[in-house]
């Protein structure tokens, strides 16, 4: 009988670097949340890693964080729509990425796919930035990326 989760070596030979996406949309902590919502919609992505000026991960904002901000009245549908209008003035009461970002777990390119899957389950996350030797983000891996590796 085959082992669908790869405990007999099927996945252990694959690394995070083999399955990660190398083009990552990132943002700084002072980005308005409505602009992050616009970016996620335009890029069709579910999260944006928040980085410092050197590109090291500080946190992550997910589509769920944006929905929670909307549900709690911190972000309105009008502000999200306004974010598509680049001629509008910035919102003086804006909510920023730093206000809603969550702690981020990160992986290394050489980490085994199996390790990433176990970490996702243990931490209850669906994606993680991949950091290079300098501590900067070089990719991102999602649960879908791991599923495709099976």
Protein backbone atom coordinates (compact mmCIF):
# COMPACT_ATOMS: atom_id res chain seq x y z
CA UNK A 1 0.00 0.00 0.00
CA UNK A 2 1.39 3.43 -0.90
CA UNK A 3 1.77 6.13 1.68
CA UNK A 4 -0.13 9.24 0.46
CA UNK A 5 1.59 11.67 2.81
CA UNK A 6 5.09 10.64 1.89
CA UNK A 7 6.27 9.23 5.21
CA UNK A 8 8.19 6.58 3.26
CA UNK A 9 10.27 9.18 1.47
CA UNK A 10 8.00 10.39 -1.35
CA UNK A 11 8.00 13.97 -0.11
CA UNK A 12 11.09 14.01 2.04
CA UNK A 13 13.29 14.30 -1.04
CA UNK A 14 11.51 17.51 -2.12
CA UNK A 15 12.48 20.81 -0.59
CA UNK A 16 10.50 23.96 0.00
CA UNK A 17 12.68 25.56 -2.68
CA UNK A 18 11.35 23.03 -5.19
CA UNK A 19 7.71 24.07 -4.68
CA UNK A 20 7.76 27.70 -3.52
CA UNK A 21 6.67 30.67 -5.59
CA UNK A 22 9.61 33.01 -6.14
CA UNK A 23 7.67 36.13 -7.07
CA UNK A 24 6.37 37.48 -3.77
CA UNK A 25 4.28 40.59 -3.21
CA UNK A 26 5.42 42.20 0.04
CA UNK A 27 4.56 45.41 1.84
CA UNK A 28 5.87 47.69 4.55
CA UNK A 29 4.10 47.99 7.92
CA UNK A 30 2.80 51.49 7.14
CA UNK A 31 0.77 50.34 4.11
CA UNK A 32 -2.94 51.19 4.45
CA UNK A 33 -5.08 48.08 4.77
CA UNK A 34 -7.40 49.19 1.97
CA UNK A 35 -4.41 49.25 -0.39
CA UNK A 36 -3.40 45.74 0.74
CA UNK A 37 -6.95 44.58 0.00
CA UNK A 38 -6.69 46.09 -3.48
CA UNK A 39 -3.34 44.39 -4.05
CA UNK A 40 -4.68 41.01 -2.96
CA UNK A 41 -7.68 41.36 -5.28
CA UNK A 42 -5.58 42.49 -8.24
CA UNK A 43 -2.84 39.90 -7.76
CA UNK A 44 -5.27 37.11 -6.76
CA UNK A 45 -3.28 36.28 -3.64
CA UNK A 46 -4.41 35.40 -0.14
CA UNK A 47 -1.72 37.10 1.91
CA UNK A 48 0.99 39.73 1.88
CA UNK A 49 4.11 39.31 4.00
CA UNK A 50 5.00 42.51 5.83
CA UNK A 51 8.71 43.28 5.71
CA UNK A 52 11.18 45.77 7.12
CA UNK A 53 13.24 48.11 4.94
CA UNK A 54 15.76 45.30 4.28
CA UNK A 55 13.11 42.79 3.20
CA UNK A 56 13.13 40.66 6.35
CA UNK A 57 9.70 39.38 7.42
CA UNK A 58 7.95 41.14 10.30
CA UNK A 59 4.48 39.65 10.00
CA UNK A 60 1.78 38.74 7.52
CA UNK A 61 -1.63 40.11 6.56
CA UNK A 62 -4.07 37.57 5.14
CA UNK A 63 -7.41 37.91 3.42
CA UNK A 64 -8.95 36.71 6.70
CA UNK A 65 -7.34 39.63 8.55
CA UNK A 66 -8.91 42.01 6.05
CA UNK A 67 -12.32 40.36 6.36
CA UNK A 68 -12.03 40.60 10.16
CA UNK A 69 -11.19 44.31 9.92
CA UNK A 70 -14.21 44.78 7.65
CA UNK A 71 -16.48 42.79 10.01
CA UNK A 72 -15.33 44.84 13.00
CA UNK A 73 -15.96 48.13 11.21
CA UNK A 74 -12.28 49.06 10.93
CA UNK A 75 -12.42 48.90 7.14
CA UNK A 76 -15.39 49.77 4.93
CA UNK A 77 -16.37 48.50 1.51
CA UNK A 78 -16.18 52.12 0.34
CA UNK A 79 -12.54 52.39 1.45
CA UNK A 80 -11.67 49.19 -0.40
CA UNK A 81 -13.39 50.53 -3.51
CA UNK A 82 -11.65 53.89 -3.03
CA UNK A 83 -8.30 52.11 -2.95
CA UNK A 84 -8.75 51.40 -6.66
CA UNK A 85 -8.97 55.17 -7.29
CA UNK A 86 -5.38 56.40 -7.15
CA UNK A 87 -6.56 60.02 -7.42
CA UNK A 88 -8.29 59.91 -4.01
CA UNK A 89 -6.61 61.48 -1.03
CA UNK A 90 -5.27 59.12 1.64
CA UNK A 91 -7.69 58.24 4.41
CA UNK A 92 -6.66 60.07 7.61
CA UNK A 93 -8.29 57.33 9.73
CA UNK A 94 -6.73 54.45 7.80
CA UNK A 95 -5.95 51.12 9.36
CA UNK A 96 -2.43 50.01 8.52
CA UNK A 97 -0.78 46.65 7.96
CA UNK A 98 1.04 47.00 11.30
CA UNK A 99 -2.36 47.26 13.04
CA UNK A 100 -3.61 43.85 11.89
CA UNK A 101 -0.56 41.81 10.88
CA UNK A 102 -0.04 38.50 12.59
CA UNK A 103 3.23 36.88 13.60
CA UNK A 104 4.75 34.99 10.72
CA UNK A 105 6.49 31.66 10.60
CA UNK A 106 9.13 31.34 7.96
CA UNK A 107 10.87 28.51 6.23
CA UNK A 108 14.22 28.03 4.54
CA UNK A 109 14.64 26.95 0.93
CA UNK A 110 16.33 23.69 1.98
CA UNK A 111 13.58 22.69 4.44
CA UNK A 112 11.81 19.47 3.52
CA UNK A 113 8.26 19.75 2.17
CA UNK A 114 7.19 17.29 4.86
CA UNK A 115 8.57 19.63 7.56
CA UNK A 116 6.63 22.54 6.04
CA UNK A 117 3.41 20.50 6.04
CA UNK A 118 3.89 19.51 9.68
CA UNK A 119 4.61 23.12 10.63
CA UNK A 120 1.50 24.38 8.81
CA UNK A 121 -0.65 21.87 10.71
CA UNK A 122 0.99 22.59 14.08
CA UNK A 123 0.71 26.39 13.70
CA UNK A 124 -2.63 26.47 11.88
CA UNK A 125 -1.31 28.47 8.94
CA UNK A 126 -1.76 28.11 5.19
CA UNK A 127 1.37 29.80 3.89
CA UNK A 128 4.81 30.92 4.96
CA UNK A 129 7.49 33.15 3.49
CA UNK A 130 10.76 31.48 2.58
CA UNK A 131 13.85 33.34 3.72
CA UNK A 132 17.30 33.20 2.23
CA UNK A 133 20.71 33.26 3.91
CA UNK A 134 20.52 37.04 4.47
CA UNK A 135 17.13 36.84 6.20
CA UNK A 136 15.28 38.42 3.27
CA UNK A 137 12.20 36.85 1.71
CA UNK A 138 13.07 34.91 -1.44
CA UNK A 139 9.77 33.10 -1.93
CA UNK A 140 6.52 31.98 -0.41
CA UNK A 141 5.02 28.53 -0.04
CA UNK A 142 1.35 27.78 0.47
CA UNK A 143 -0.65 24.72 1.45
CA UNK A 144 -1.66 24.47 -2.22
CA UNK A 145 2.02 24.39 -3.21
CA UNK A 146 2.55 21.53 -0.76
CA UNK A 147 -0.51 19.72 -2.07
CA UNK A 148 0.81 19.98 -5.62
CA UNK A 149 4.03 18.35 -4.40
CA UNK A 150 2.19 15.21 -3.31
